[in-house]
Amino acid sequence: MADRVDAYPPRGLSRDEAARYIGIGPTLFDELVQAGRMPRPVRIGKRVIWDRLKIDAAFADLGADDRENQVDRALRLVPAGR
């Protein structure tokens, strides 16, 4: 019998897995968590894990400030009264 492959990716990720999931190293991931730009982990028994769905949401928000700043800059270039 062939080895069974899980149909679903894990919802909970270790620190190293969470960092690798978004393409960065664990140290930078720790810095993003401390800065509130990535979610804090939860403790389940002795394990400390990150929710993959919360990581997805936080990752989507990482560039939001840059996008907003571009719009603000564009609006400042429009002459008043137009």
PDB file of N, CA and C in Angstrom:
ATOM      1  N   MET A   1       0.840  -1.188   0.000  1.00  0.00           N
ATOM      2  CA  MET A   1       0.000   0.000   0.000  1.00  0.00           C
ATOM      3  C   MET A   1       0.882   1.248   0.000  1.00  0.00           C
ATOM      4  N   ALA A   2       0.543   2.227  -0.800  1.00  0.00           N
ATOM      5  CA  ALA A   2       1.325   3.459  -0.902  1.00  0.00           C
ATOM      6  C   ALA A   2       1.164   4.292   0.366  1.00  0.00           C
ATOM      7  N   ASP A   3       2.166   5.113   0.651  1.00  0.00           N
ATOM      8  CA  ASP A   3       2.076   6.011   1.804  1.00  0.00           C
ATOM      9  C   ASP A   3       0.923   6.983   1.594  1.00  0.00           C
ATOM     10  N   ARG A   4       0.185   7.232   2.663  1.00  0.00           N
ATOM     11  CA  ARG A   4      -0.941   8.158   2.607  1.00  0.00           C
ATOM     12  C   ARG A   4      -0.422   9.590   2.635  1.00  0.00           C
ATOM     13  N   VAL A   5      -0.959  10.416   1.753  1.00  0.00           N
ATOM     14  CA  VAL A   5      -0.615  11.835   1.721  1.00  0.00           C
ATOM     15  C   VAL A   5      -1.792  12.595   2.305  1.00  0.00           C
ATOM     16  N   ASP A   6      -1.532  13.453   3.278  1.00  0.00           N
ATOM     17  CA  ASP A   6      -2.614  14.250   3.866  1.00  0.00           C
ATOM     18  C   ASP A   6      -3.217  15.164   2.814  1.00  0.00           C
ATOM     19  N   ALA A   7      -4.548  15.215   2.805  1.00  0.00           N
ATOM     20  CA  ALA A   7      -5.254  16.034   1.819  1.00  0.00           C
ATOM     21  C   ALA A   7      -5.239  17.505   2.206  1.00  0.00           C
ATOM     22  N   TYR A   8      -4.998  17.813   3.467  1.00  0.00           N
ATOM     23  CA  TYR A   8      -5.069  19.192   3.945  1.00  0.00           C
ATOM     24  C   TYR A   8      -3.720  19.635   4.498  1.00  0.00           C
ATOM     25  N   PRO A   9      -3.325  20.867   4.195  1.00  0.00           N
ATOM     26  CA  PRO A   9      -2.095  21.371   4.821  1.00  0.00           C
ATOM     27  C   PRO A   9      -2.355  21.612   6.305  1.00  0.00           C
ATOM     28  N   PRO A  10      -1.318  21.600   7.131  1.00  0.00           N
ATOM     29  CA  PRO A  10      -1.541  21.826   8.566  1.00  0.00           C
ATOM     30  C   PRO A  10      -2.040  23.241   8.820  1.00  0.00           C
ATOM     31  N   ARG A  11      -2.966  23.382   9.742  1.00  0.00           N
ATOM     32  CA  ARG A  11      -3.479  24.695  10.110  1.00  0.00           C
ATOM     33  C   ARG A  11      -2.521  25.385  11.078  1.00  0.00           C
ATOM     34  N   GLY A  12      -1.917  24.602  11.967  1.00  0.00           N
ATOM     35  CA  GLY A  12      -0.976  25.142  12.941  1.00  0.00           C
ATOM     36  C   GLY A  12       0.449  24.921  12.481  1.00  0.00           C
ATOM     37  N   LEU A  13       1.254  25.977  12.547  1.00  0.00           N
ATOM     38  CA  LEU A  13       2.639  25.914  12.090  1.00  0.00           C
ATOM     39  C   LEU A  13       3.592  26.257  13.224  1.00  0.00           C
ATOM     40  N   SER A  14       4.714  25.566  13.264  1.00  0.00           N
ATOM     41  CA  SER A  14       5.767  25.924  14.218  1.00  0.00           C
ATOM     42  C   SER A  14       6.383  27.251  13.779  1.00  0.00           C
ATOM     43  N   ARG A  15       7.233  27.804  14.615  1.00  0.00           N
ATOM     44  CA  ARG A  15       7.908  29.070  14.300  1.00  0.00           C
ATOM     45  C   ARG A  15       8.671  28.952  12.981  1.00  0.00           C
ATOM     46  N   ASP A  16       9.473  27.900  12.840  1.00  0.00           N
ATOM     47  CA  ASP A  16      10.258  27.730  11.615  1.00  0.00           C
ATOM     48  C   ASP A  16       9.361  27.520  10.400  1.00  0.00           C
ATOM     49  N   GLU A  17       8.298  26.729  10.569  1.00  0.00           N
ATOM     50  CA  GLU A  17       7.371  26.502   9.464  1.00  0.00           C
ATOM     51  C   GLU A  17       6.653  27.785   9.071  1.00  0.00           C
ATOM     52  N   ALA A  18       6.244  28.580  10.055  1.00  0.00           N
ATOM     53  CA  ALA A  18       5.542  29.835   9.778  1.00  0.00           C
ATOM     54  C   ALA A  18       6.449  30.810   9.025  1.00  0.00           C
ATOM     55  N   ALA A  19       7.689  30.904   9.451  1.00  0.00           N
ATOM     56  CA  ALA A  19       8.641  31.790   8.762  1.00  0.00           C
ATOM     57  C   ALA A  19       8.863  31.310   7.334  1.00  0.00           C
ATOM     58  N   ARG A  20       9.087  30.023   7.170  1.00  0.00           N
ATOM     59  CA  ARG A  20       9.314  29.449   5.839  1.00  0.00           C
ATOM     60  C   ARG A  20       8.081  29.626   4.957  1.00  0.00           C
ATOM     61  N   TYR A  21       6.900  29.536   5.539  1.00  0.00           N
ATOM     62  CA  TYR A  21       5.635  29.667   4.814  1.00  0.00           C
ATOM     63  C   TYR A  21       5.537  31.017   4.099  1.00  0.00           C
ATOM     64  N   ILE A  22       6.030  32.089   4.754  1.00  0.00           N
ATOM     65  CA  ILE A  22       5.964  33.399   4.100  1.00  0.00           C
ATOM     66  C   ILE A  22       7.285  33.793   3.448  1.00  0.00           C
ATOM     67  N   GLY A  23       8.252  32.889   3.478  1.00  0.00           N
ATOM     68  CA  GLY A  23       9.485  33.101   2.722  1.00  0.00           C
ATOM     69  C   GLY A  23      10.552  33.920   3.411  1.00  0.00           C
ATOM     70  N   ILE A  24      10.569  33.903   4.745  1.00  0.00           N
ATOM     71  CA  ILE A  24      11.594  34.645   5.484  1.00  0.00           C
ATOM     72  C   ILE A  24      12.232  33.729   6.519  1.00  0.00           C
ATOM     73  N   GLY A  25      13.263  34.214   7.178  1.00  0.00           N
ATOM     74  CA  GLY A  25      13.919  33.456   8.234  1.00  0.00           C
ATOM     75  C   GLY A  25      13.221  33.640   9.566  1.00  0.00           C
ATOM     76  N   PRO A  26      13.491  32.738  10.511  1.00  0.00           N
ATOM     77  CA  PRO A  26      12.852  32.800  11.825  1.00  0.00           C
ATOM     78  C   PRO A  26      13.130  34.087  12.609  1.00  0.00           C
ATOM     79  N   THR A  27      14.319  34.643  12.463  1.00  0.00           N
ATOM     80  CA  THR A  27      14.637  35.867  13.210  1.00  0.00           C
ATOM     81  C   THR A  27      13.791  37.037  12.726  1.00  0.00           C
ATOM     82  N   LEU A  28      13.672  37.220  11.419  1.00  0.00           N
ATOM     83  CA  LEU A  28      12.823  38.282  10.884  1.00  0.00           C
ATOM     84  C   LEU A  28      11.368  38.022  11.242  1.00  0.00           C
ATOM     85  N   PHE A  29      10.953  36.766  11.215  1.00  0.00           N
ATOM     86  CA  PHE A  29       9.579  36.430  11.610  1.00  0.00           C
ATOM     87  C   PHE A  29       9.330  36.866  13.051  1.00  0.00           C
ATOM     88  N   ASP A  30      10.279  36.581  13.952  1.00  0.00           N
ATOM     89  CA  ASP A  30      10.158  37.006  15.350  1.00  0.00           C
ATOM     90  C   ASP A  30      10.004  38.518  15.455  1.00  0.00           C
ATOM     91  N   GLU A  31      10.775  39.248  14.661  1.00  0.00           N
ATOM     92  CA  GLU A  31      10.695  40.712  14.684  1.00  0.00           C
ATOM     93  C   GLU A  31       9.320  41.194  14.226  1.00  0.00           C
ATOM     94  N   LEU A  32       8.756  40.560  13.209  1.00  0.00           N
ATOM     95  CA  LEU A  32       7.424  40.938  12.732  1.00  0.00           C
ATOM     96  C   LEU A  32       6.360  40.629  13.778  1.00  0.00           C
ATOM     97  N   VAL A  33       6.507  39.522  14.496  1.00  0.00           N
ATOM     98  CA  VAL A  33       5.563  39.186  15.571  1.00  0.00           C
ATOM     99  C   VAL A  33       5.667  40.233  16.675  1.00  0.00           C
ATOM    100  N   GLN A  34       6.886  40.577  17.083  1.00  0.00           N
ATOM    101  CA  GLN A  34       7.081  41.582  18.138  1.00  0.00           C
ATOM    102  C   GLN A  34       6.511  42.942  17.744  1.00  0.00           C
ATOM    103  N   ALA A  35       6.603  43.278  16.459  1.00  0.00           N
ATOM    104  CA  ALA A  35       6.100  44.561  15.966  1.00  0.00           C
ATOM    105  C   ALA A  35       4.589  44.541  15.737  1.00  0.00           C
ATOM    106  N   GLY A  36       3.960  43.378  15.903  1.00  0.00           N
ATOM    107  CA  GLY A  36       2.521  43.278  15.701  1.00  0.00           C
ATOM    108  C   GLY A  36       2.117  43.151  14.237  1.00  0.00           C
ATOM    109  N   ARG A  37       3.080  42.894  13.371  1.00  0.00           N
ATOM    110  CA  ARG A  37       2.784  42.780  11.936  1.00  0.00           C
ATOM    111  C   ARG A  37       2.485  41.342  11.530  1.00  0.00           C
ATOM    112  N   MET A  38       2.816  40.394  12.396  1.00  0.00           N
ATOM    113  CA  MET A  38       2.444  38.986  12.254  1.00  0.00           C
ATOM    114  C   MET A  38       1.729  38.596  13.539  1.00  0.00           C
ATOM    115  N   PRO A  39       0.827  37.610  13.476  1.00  0.00           N
ATOM    116  CA  PRO A  39       0.063  37.244  14.674  1.00  0.00           C
ATOM    117  C   PRO A  39       0.927  36.594  15.746  1.00  0.00           C
ATOM    118  N   ARG A  40       0.440  36.668  16.962  1.00  0.00           N
ATOM    119  CA  ARG A  40       1.110  35.995  18.076  1.00  0.00           C
ATOM    120  C   ARG A  40       0.716  34.515  18.036  1.00  0.00           C
ATOM    121  N   PRO A  41       1.560  33.664  18.580  1.00  0.00           N
ATOM    122  CA  PRO A  41       1.248  32.232  18.575  1.00  0.00           C
ATOM    123  C   PRO A  41       0.241  31.872  19.664  1.00  0.00           C
ATOM    124  N   VAL A  42      -0.250  30.648  19.582  1.00  0.00           N
ATOM    125  CA  VAL A  42      -1.074  30.082  20.645  1.00  0.00           C
ATOM    126  C   VAL A  42      -0.330  28.876  21.203  1.00  0.00           C
ATOM    127  N   ARG A  43      -0.583  28.586  22.451  1.00  0.00           N
ATOM    128  CA  ARG A  43       0.048  27.422  23.084  1.00  0.00           C
ATOM    129  C   ARG A  43      -1.007  26.334  23.199  1.00  0.00           C
ATOM    130  N   ILE A  44      -0.677  25.179  22.674  1.00  0.00           N
ATOM    131  CA  ILE A  44      -1.537  24.007  22.795  1.00  0.00           C
ATOM    132  C   ILE A  44      -0.686  22.927  23.452  1.00  0.00           C
ATOM    133  N   GLY A  45      -0.947  22.691  24.713  1.00  0.00           N
ATOM    134  CA  GLY A  45      -0.089  21.789  25.474  1.00  0.00           C
ATOM    135  C   GLY A  45       1.296  22.389  25.573  1.00  0.00           C
ATOM    136  N   LYS A  46       2.290  21.649  25.153  1.00  0.00           N
ATOM    137  CA  LYS A  46       3.667  22.150  25.165  1.00  0.00           C
ATOM    138  C   LYS A  46       4.065  22.796  23.848  1.00  0.00           C
ATOM    139  N   ARG A  47       3.188  22.724  22.862  1.00  0.00           N
ATOM    140  CA  ARG A  47       3.503  23.261  21.540  1.00  0.00           C
ATOM    141  C   ARG A  47       3.122  24.733  21.430  1.00  0.00           C
ATOM    142  N   VAL A  48       3.944  25.507  20.755  1.00  0.00           N
ATOM    143  CA  VAL A  48       3.657  26.901  20.428  1.00  0.00           C
ATOM    144  C   VAL A  48       3.484  26.936  18.919  1.00  0.00           C
ATOM    145  N   ILE A  49       2.282  27.330  18.465  1.00  0.00           N
ATOM    146  CA  ILE A  49       2.003  27.287  17.036  1.00  0.00           C
ATOM    147  C   ILE A  49       1.315  28.560  16.561  1.00  0.00           C
ATOM    148  N   TRP A  50       1.453  28.811  15.272  1.00  0.00           N
ATOM    149  CA  TRP A  50       0.827  29.946  14.613  1.00  0.00           C
ATOM    150  C   TRP A  50      -0.284  29.429  13.713  1.00  0.00           C
ATOM    151  N   ASP A  51      -1.385  30.150  13.670  1.00  0.00           N
ATOM    152  CA  ASP A  51      -2.523  29.811  12.818  1.00  0.00           C
ATOM    153  C   ASP A  51      -2.202  30.256  11.385  1.00  0.00           C
ATOM    154  N   ARG A  52      -2.183  29.301  10.466  1.00  0.00           N
ATOM    155  CA  ARG A  52      -1.824  29.582   9.075  1.00  0.00           C
ATOM    156  C   ARG A  52      -2.763  30.613   8.452  1.00  0.00           C
ATOM    157  N   LEU A  53      -4.054  30.576   8.796  1.00  0.00           N
ATOM    158  CA  LEU A  53      -5.000  31.527   8.219  1.00  0.00           C
ATOM    159  C   LEU A  53      -4.750  32.955   8.724  1.00  0.00           C
ATOM    160  N   LYS A  54      -4.359  33.080   9.998  1.00  0.00           N
ATOM    161  CA  LYS A  54      -4.019  34.411  10.522  1.00  0.00           C
ATOM    162  C   LYS A  54      -2.730  34.928   9.887  1.00  0.00           C
ATOM    163  N   ILE A  55      -1.805  34.016   9.606  1.00  0.00           N
ATOM    164  CA  ILE A  55      -0.573  34.411   8.912  1.00  0.00           C
ATOM    165  C   ILE A  55      -0.904  34.907   7.510  1.00  0.00           C
ATOM    166  N   ASP A  56      -1.815  34.212   6.819  1.00  0.00           N
ATOM    167  CA  ASP A  56      -2.231  34.648   5.486  1.00  0.00           C
ATOM    168  C   ASP A  56      -2.794  36.069   5.521  1.00  0.00           C
ATOM    169  N   ALA A  57      -3.677  36.341   6.487  1.00  0.00           N
ATOM    170  CA  ALA A  57      -4.287  37.668   6.603  1.00  0.00           C
ATOM    171  C   ALA A  57      -3.244  38.735   6.913  1.00  0.00           C
ATOM    172  N   ALA A  58      -2.336  38.439   7.836  1.00  0.00           N
ATOM    173  CA  ALA A  58      -1.289  39.400   8.195  1.00  0.00           C
ATOM    174  C   ALA A  58      -0.360  39.651   7.012  1.00  0.00           C
ATOM    175  N   PHE A  59      -0.039  38.606   6.271  1.00  0.00           N
ATOM    176  CA  PHE A  59       0.840  38.752   5.110  1.00  0.00           C
ATOM    177  C   PHE A  59       0.188  39.643   4.061  1.00  0.00           C
ATOM    178  N   ALA A  60      -1.115  39.489   3.852  1.00  0.00           N
ATOM    179  CA  ALA A  60      -1.831  40.323   2.884  1.00  0.00           C
ATOM    180  C   ALA A  60      -1.801  41.793   3.292  1.00  0.00           C
ATOM    181  N   ASP A  61      -1.756  42.056   4.591  1.00  0.00           N
ATOM    182  CA  ASP A  61      -1.749  43.431   5.092  1.00  0.00           C
ATOM    183  C   ASP A  61      -0.358  44.065   5.122  1.00  0.00           C
ATOM    184  N   LEU A  62       0.702  43.292   4.933  1.00  0.00           N
ATOM    185  CA  LEU A  62       2.060  43.838   5.066  1.00  0.00           C
ATOM    186  C   LEU A  62       2.306  45.021   4.138  1.00  0.00           C
ATOM    187  N   GLY A  63       1.815  44.988   2.925  1.00  0.00           N
ATOM    188  CA  GLY A  63       2.056  46.073   1.978  1.00  0.00           C
ATOM    189  C   GLY A  63       0.970  47.121   1.948  1.00  0.00           C
ATOM    190  N   ALA A  64      -0.028  47.013   2.826  1.00  0.00           N
ATOM    191  CA  ALA A  64      -1.165  47.942   2.795  1.00  0.00           C
ATOM    192  C   ALA A  64      -0.725  49.386   3.003  1.00  0.00           C
ATOM    193  N   ASP A  65       0.226  49.629   3.888  1.00  0.00           N
ATOM    194  CA  ASP A  65       0.667  51.007   4.137  1.00  0.00           C
ATOM    195  C   ASP A  65       1.277  51.607   2.890  1.00  0.00           C
ATOM    196  N   ASP A  66       2.057  50.827   2.144  1.00  0.00           N
ATOM    197  CA  ASP A  66       2.672  51.330   0.925  1.00  0.00           C
ATOM    198  C   ASP A  66       1.619  51.708  -0.105  1.00  0.00           C
ATOM    199  N   ARG A  67       0.597  50.884  -0.267  1.00  0.00           N
ATOM    200  CA  ARG A  67      -0.458  51.178  -1.236  1.00  0.00           C
ATOM    201  C   ARG A  67      -1.196  52.445  -0.846  1.00  0.00           C
ATOM    202  N   GLU A  68      -1.504  52.610   0.433  1.00  0.00           N
ATOM    203  CA  GLU A  68      -2.211  53.796   0.882  1.00  0.00           C
ATOM    204  C   GLU A  68      -1.351  55.032   0.665  1.00  0.00           C
ATOM    205  N   ASN A  69      -0.075  54.928   0.907  1.00  0.00           N
ATOM    206  CA  ASN A  69       0.790  56.080   0.726  1.00  0.00           C
ATOM    207  C   ASN A  69       0.861  56.505  -0.736  1.00  0.00           C
ATOM    208  N   GLN A  70       0.836  55.563  -1.656  1.00  0.00           N
ATOM    209  CA  GLN A  70       0.857  55.898  -3.075  1.00  0.00           C
ATOM    210  C   GLN A  70      -0.396  56.670  -3.464  1.00  0.00           C
ATOM    211  N   VAL A  71      -1.541  56.271  -2.953  1.00  0.00           N
ATOM    212  CA  VAL A  71      -2.788  56.977  -3.236  1.00  0.00           C
ATOM    213  C   VAL A  71      -2.741  58.378  -2.646  1.00  0.00           C
ATOM    214  N   ASP A  72      -2.287  58.489  -1.399  1.00  0.00           N
ATOM    215  CA  ASP A  72      -2.176  59.810  -0.771  1.00  0.00           C
ATOM    216  C   ASP A  72      -1.274  60.726  -1.593  1.00  0.00           C
ATOM    217  N   ARG A  73      -0.152  60.185  -2.069  1.00  0.00           N
ATOM    218  CA  ARG A  73       0.757  60.999  -2.886  1.00  0.00           C
ATOM    219  C   ARG A  73       0.076  61.440  -4.167  1.00  0.00           C
ATOM    220  N   ALA A  74      -0.661  60.544  -4.800  1.00  0.00           N
ATOM    221  CA  ALA A  74      -1.347  60.890  -6.060  1.00  0.00           C
ATOM    222  C   ALA A  74      -2.398  61.967  -5.817  1.00  0.00           C
ATOM    223  N   LEU A  75      -3.132  61.879  -4.712  1.00  0.00           N
ATOM    224  CA  LEU A  75      -4.159  62.882  -4.427  1.00  0.00           C
ATOM    225  C   LEU A  75      -3.551  64.251  -4.149  1.00  0.00           C
ATOM    226  N   ARG A  76      -2.383  64.293  -3.579  1.00  0.00           N
ATOM    227  CA  ARG A  76      -1.733  65.577  -3.322  1.00  0.00           C
ATOM    228  C   ARG A  76      -1.300  66.265  -4.609  1.00  0.00           C
ATOM    229  N   LEU A  77      -1.113  65.510  -5.681  1.00  0.00           N
ATOM    230  CA  LEU A  77      -0.708  66.072  -6.957  1.00  0.00           C
ATOM    231  C   LEU A  77      -1.867  66.679  -7.735  1.00  0.00           C
ATOM    232  N   VAL A  78      -3.103  66.357  -7.326  1.00  0.00           N
ATOM    233  CA  VAL A  78      -4.283  66.894  -8.002  1.00  0.00           C
ATOM    234  C   VAL A  78      -4.504  68.316  -7.490  1.00  0.00           C
ATOM    235  N   PRO A  79      -4.584  69.316  -8.398  1.00  0.00           N
ATOM    236  CA  PRO A  79      -4.798  70.705  -7.949  1.00  0.00           C
ATOM    237  C   PRO A  79      -6.140  70.843  -7.227  1.00  0.00           C
ATOM    238  N   ALA A  80      -6.169  71.702  -6.210  1.00  0.00           N
ATOM    239  CA  ALA A  80      -7.391  71.941  -5.449  1.00  0.00           C
ATOM    240  C   ALA A  80      -8.464  72.529  -6.357  1.00  0.00           C
ATOM    241  N   GLY A  81      -9.724  72.155  -6.105  1.00  0.00           N
ATOM    242  CA  GLY A  81     -10.820  72.693  -6.882  1.00  0.00           C
ATOM    243  C   GLY A  81     -11.119  71.905  -8.147  1.00  0.00           C
ATOM    244  N   ARG A  82     -10.439  70.839  -8.389  1.00  0.00           N
ATOM    245  CA  ARG A  82     -10.709  70.030  -9.588  1.00  0.00           C
ATOM    246  C   ARG A  82     -11.503  68.829  -9.244  1.00  0.00           C
TER     247      ARG A  82
END
